[in-house]
Amino acid sequence: MRITVLTGAGISAESGLATFRASDGLWENHRVEDVATPEGFAADPELVHRFYNMRRAAAAGARPNAAHLALADLARRHDLTLVTQNVDDLHERAGSPHVIHMHGSLTGALCAACGHRWPAPPVMSPDDPCPACARPSTRPDIVWFGEMPYHMERIWDALESADLFAAIGTSGNVYPAAGFAQAARRGGVECVELNLDNSANARDFHRRITGPASRTVPDWVASLG
């Protein structure tokens, strides 16, 4: 069976990582506009680096949970394309191969000047020179608001060719990911949502499984055989 899975912040929350934003619109006590936009980075790169240094440290200290491990097991038994909105590496550490990080990764650094990419050190600063062009234009390799997500052609191809699409721990508020279920369903793909509560796009799914990812995902994977 060809399966495409999209994961969001809800799957990593049980590993102790904060979800994208709280009900007050803040992300770990910061305005999203200040730490997750190109304009915010241009205005205060030191703040943005400090924010992502803390997130990188938190991710490094987290451990994959039962949901991450179940998806790694699913990849061993089915033709799985695993797409994540998360910027942590918990899927990889759980054993999932070829994870598609559509919003980038905390483990990567990017030169805003020449586009060169390299593994991110634990701590980054605005003065870090690019290894390729030597300019101090280092930024986290993260897709911010107003920027195009990565690997979209691969993702659309996977959705079109899937027999089953599942969204796990996603809010259904952030596009283009929020449109994946609708696109898959139009193509005749069965769509299932696994979430603590119904997402904003819950109507796009054929069925919904409610509960914590660490319980629902292993049960769902086991049901697929």
Protein backbone atom coordinates (compact mmCIF):
# COMPACT_ATOMS: atom_id res chain seq x y z
CA MET A 1 0.00 0.00 0.00
CA ARG A 2 1.22 3.47 -0.86
CA ILE A 3 0.75 5.76 2.11
CA THR A 4 1.50 9.46 2.49
CA VAL A 5 1.61 10.81 6.03
CA LEU A 6 1.77 14.44 7.13
CA THR A 7 2.81 15.14 10.71
CA GLY A 8 2.53 18.38 12.66
CA ALA A 9 3.41 19.76 16.06
CA GLY A 10 0.96 17.48 17.85
CA ILE A 11 3.12 14.43 17.29
CA SER A 12 6.15 16.03 18.96
CA ALA A 13 4.21 17.66 21.81
CA GLU A 14 4.25 14.39 23.74
CA SER A 15 8.04 14.45 23.51
CA GLY A 16 7.99 17.78 25.34
CA LEU A 17 8.37 20.14 22.39
CA ALA A 18 6.12 23.19 22.29
CA THR A 19 3.45 23.36 19.62
CA PHE A 20 3.58 26.21 17.14
CA ARG A 21 1.65 28.88 19.00
CA ALA A 22 -0.49 29.22 22.09
CA SER A 23 -4.06 30.51 22.22
CA ASP A 24 -2.71 34.01 22.91
CA GLY A 25 -0.90 33.98 19.55
CA LEU A 26 2.55 33.84 21.10
CA TRP A 27 5.22 31.24 20.33
CA GLU A 28 7.22 30.54 23.49
CA ASN A 29 6.52 34.12 24.64
CA HIS A 30 7.50 35.72 21.31
CA ARG A 31 5.36 37.28 18.62
CA VAL A 32 5.42 34.98 15.60
CA GLU A 33 6.15 38.00 13.39
CA ASP A 34 9.34 38.64 15.36
CA VAL A 35 10.86 35.17 15.16
CA ALA A 36 9.31 33.42 12.15
CA THR A 37 9.39 35.92 9.28
CA PRO A 38 12.15 37.29 7.03
CA GLU A 39 11.19 40.75 8.26
CA GLY A 40 11.68 39.72 11.87
CA PHE A 41 15.10 38.31 11.07
CA ALA A 42 16.12 41.48 9.23
CA ALA A 43 14.99 43.62 12.17
CA ASP A 44 16.66 41.60 14.94
CA PRO A 45 18.80 38.67 13.78
CA GLU A 46 20.27 38.23 17.25
CA LEU A 47 16.83 37.63 18.75
CA VAL A 48 15.93 35.15 16.02
CA HIS A 49 19.17 33.21 16.43
CA ARG A 50 18.72 33.15 20.19
CA PHE A 51 15.18 31.82 19.76
CA TYR A 52 16.24 29.02 17.41
CA ASN A 53 19.30 28.18 19.52
CA MET A 54 16.88 27.48 22.38
CA ARG A 55 14.60 25.43 20.15
CA ARG A 56 17.59 23.47 18.80
CA ALA A 57 18.71 22.65 22.34
CA ALA A 58 15.18 21.60 23.31
CA ALA A 59 14.87 19.34 20.27
CA ALA A 60 18.27 17.76 20.94
CA GLY A 61 17.15 16.92 24.48
CA ALA A 62 13.82 15.42 23.41
CA ARG A 63 13.23 11.76 22.64
CA PRO A 64 11.02 10.13 20.03
CA ASN A 65 7.73 8.87 21.41
CA ALA A 66 5.58 5.88 20.52
CA ALA A 67 4.00 7.71 17.56
CA HIS A 68 7.39 8.42 15.96
CA LEU A 69 8.44 4.81 16.49
CA ALA A 70 5.20 3.48 15.00
CA LEU A 71 5.69 5.50 11.81
CA ALA A 72 9.23 4.15 11.48
CA ASP A 73 7.73 0.65 11.72
CA LEU A 74 5.12 1.58 9.10
CA ALA A 75 7.92 2.56 6.69
CA ARG A 76 9.40 -0.92 7.03
CA ARG A 77 6.12 -2.60 6.02
CA HIS A 78 4.58 -0.25 3.45
CA ASP A 79 5.55 2.22 0.73
CA LEU A 80 5.52 5.31 2.97
CA THR A 81 6.18 8.94 2.13
CA LEU A 82 6.59 10.80 5.42
CA VAL A 83 6.16 14.57 5.24
CA THR A 84 6.52 16.72 8.34
CA GLN A 85 5.84 20.33 9.18
CA ASN A 86 8.07 19.90 12.22
CA VAL A 87 11.63 21.19 12.30
CA ASP A 88 12.91 18.68 14.86
CA ASP A 89 14.62 15.41 13.90
CA LEU A 90 12.58 13.03 16.05
CA HIS A 91 11.32 11.06 13.04
CA GLU A 92 14.88 10.39 11.93
CA ARG A 93 15.99 9.41 15.40
CA ALA A 94 13.04 7.03 15.62
CA GLY A 95 14.34 5.29 12.49
CA SER A 96 12.22 6.80 9.69
CA PRO A 97 14.19 7.10 6.41
CA HIS A 98 13.90 9.89 3.84
CA VAL A 99 11.76 12.27 5.89
CA ILE A 100 10.57 15.29 3.87
CA HIS A 101 10.91 18.45 5.98
CA MET A 102 8.65 20.89 4.18
CA HIS A 103 9.41 23.67 6.70
CA GLY A 104 13.14 23.02 7.00
CA SER A 105 15.07 21.71 9.97
CA LEU A 106 16.80 22.97 13.10
CA THR A 107 19.75 20.78 12.15
CA GLY A 108 20.43 22.90 9.07
CA ALA A 109 22.02 26.30 8.44
CA LEU A 110 21.44 28.45 5.37
CA CYS A 111 23.32 31.39 3.88
CA ALA A 112 20.83 34.15 3.08
CA ALA A 113 23.34 35.62 0.63
CA CYS A 114 24.40 32.70 -1.57
CA GLY A 115 21.99 29.90 -0.63
CA HIS A 116 24.66 27.49 0.62
CA ARG A 117 23.48 24.92 3.18
CA TRP A 118 25.45 23.08 5.87
CA PRO A 119 24.84 21.28 9.19
CA ALA A 120 23.95 23.75 11.92
CA PRO A 121 26.16 23.94 15.01
CA PRO A 122 24.38 23.83 18.39
CA VAL A 123 24.68 27.63 18.71
CA MET A 124 24.44 30.08 15.80
CA SER A 125 24.89 33.86 15.71
CA PRO A 126 24.49 36.68 13.18
CA ASP A 127 28.28 36.95 12.87
CA ASP A 128 28.80 33.37 11.68
CA PRO A 129 30.43 33.37 8.24
CA CYS A 130 29.06 31.21 5.45
CA PRO A 131 31.51 28.36 4.69
CA ALA A 132 31.03 28.99 0.97
CA CYS A 133 31.05 32.78 0.53
CA ALA A 134 32.36 33.91 3.96
CA ARG A 135 29.64 36.54 4.33
CA PRO A 136 27.99 36.87 7.77
CA SER A 137 24.57 35.94 6.40
CA THR A 138 23.88 32.77 8.33
CA ARG A 139 20.27 31.97 9.22
CA PRO A 140 18.45 28.83 10.35
CA ASP A 141 17.36 26.64 7.43
CA ILE A 142 13.74 27.14 8.43
CA VAL A 143 10.83 28.12 6.17
CA TRP A 144 9.31 31.26 7.65
CA PHE A 145 5.97 32.89 6.93
CA GLY A 146 6.04 34.45 3.50
CA GLU A 147 8.51 31.84 2.16
CA MET A 148 7.80 28.84 -0.05
CA PRO A 149 7.86 25.43 1.69
CA TYR A 150 10.44 22.94 0.49
CA HIS A 151 9.93 19.87 -1.73
CA MET A 152 6.40 20.76 -2.83
CA GLU A 153 6.65 18.94 -6.16
CA ARG A 154 7.64 15.71 -4.40
CA ILE A 155 4.80 16.13 -1.93
CA TRP A 156 2.11 16.72 -4.56
CA ASP A 157 3.38 13.68 -6.50
CA ALA A 158 3.18 11.55 -3.35
CA LEU A 159 -0.36 12.73 -2.65
CA GLU A 160 -1.50 11.97 -6.18
CA SER A 161 -0.05 8.45 -6.17
CA ALA A 162 -1.14 7.46 -2.64
CA ASP A 163 -3.77 4.90 -1.70
CA LEU A 164 -4.09 6.44 1.76
CA PHE A 165 -3.32 9.88 3.21
CA ALA A 166 -3.08 10.52 6.95
CA ALA A 167 -2.59 13.80 8.80
CA ILE A 168 -1.30 13.42 12.36
CA GLY A 169 -1.20 16.20 14.95
CA THR A 170 -1.83 19.04 12.52
CA SER A 171 -3.94 22.16 13.09
CA GLY A 172 -5.31 22.45 9.56
CA ASN A 173 -4.62 26.20 9.67
CA VAL A 174 -1.30 26.50 7.83
CA TYR A 175 -1.26 26.33 4.04
CA PRO A 176 -0.30 24.68 1.78
CA ALA A 177 -0.31 21.69 4.17
CA ALA A 178 -3.92 22.40 5.17
CA GLY A 179 -4.92 21.75 1.55
CA PHE A 180 -3.31 18.31 1.25
CA ALA A 181 -6.35 16.34 2.38
CA GLN A 182 -8.70 18.14 0.02
CA ALA A 183 -6.34 17.59 -2.91
CA ALA A 184 -5.85 13.92 -2.05
CA ARG A 185 -9.58 13.34 -1.60
CA ARG A 186 -10.34 14.90 -4.98
CA GLY A 187 -7.97 12.33 -6.47
CA GLY A 188 -9.83 9.44 -4.87
CA VAL A 189 -7.38 8.90 -2.01
CA GLU A 190 -8.76 7.74 1.35
CA CYS A 191 -8.02 10.40 3.99
CA VAL A 192 -7.80 9.94 7.76
CA GLU A 193 -7.02 12.43 10.51
CA LEU A 194 -5.40 11.49 13.83
CA ASN A 195 -5.55 14.35 16.30
CA LEU A 196 -6.41 15.38 19.84
CA ASP A 197 -9.34 17.38 18.46
CA ASN A 198 -10.83 17.99 15.05
CA SER A 199 -8.60 20.23 12.96
CA ALA A 200 -9.76 23.33 11.10
CA ASN A 201 -10.05 21.23 7.93
CA ALA A 202 -11.59 18.14 9.56
CA ARG A 203 -14.37 18.05 6.95
CA ASP A 204 -11.80 17.13 4.28
CA PHE A 205 -11.17 13.71 5.84
CA HIS A 206 -13.22 10.54 5.38
CA ARG A 207 -12.69 9.59 9.01
CA ARG A 208 -11.12 10.94 12.17
CA ILE A 209 -9.38 9.21 15.07
CA THR A 210 -9.27 11.30 18.24
CA GLY A 211 -6.75 10.99 21.04
CA PRO A 212 -3.06 11.46 21.87
CA ALA A 213 -0.70 10.50 19.06
CA SER A 214 1.31 8.16 21.28
CA ARG A 215 -1.81 5.97 21.57
CA THR A 216 -3.70 6.50 18.32
CA VAL A 217 -0.79 6.23 15.88
CA PRO A 218 0.52 2.83 17.09
CA ASP A 219 -3.04 1.46 17.05
CA TRP A 220 -3.67 2.83 13.56
CA VAL A 221 -0.37 1.47 12.22
CA ALA A 222 -1.15 -1.95 13.69
CA SER A 223 -4.55 -1.93 11.97
CA LEU A 224 -2.89 -1.53 8.56
CA GLY A 225 -1.06 -4.84 8.87
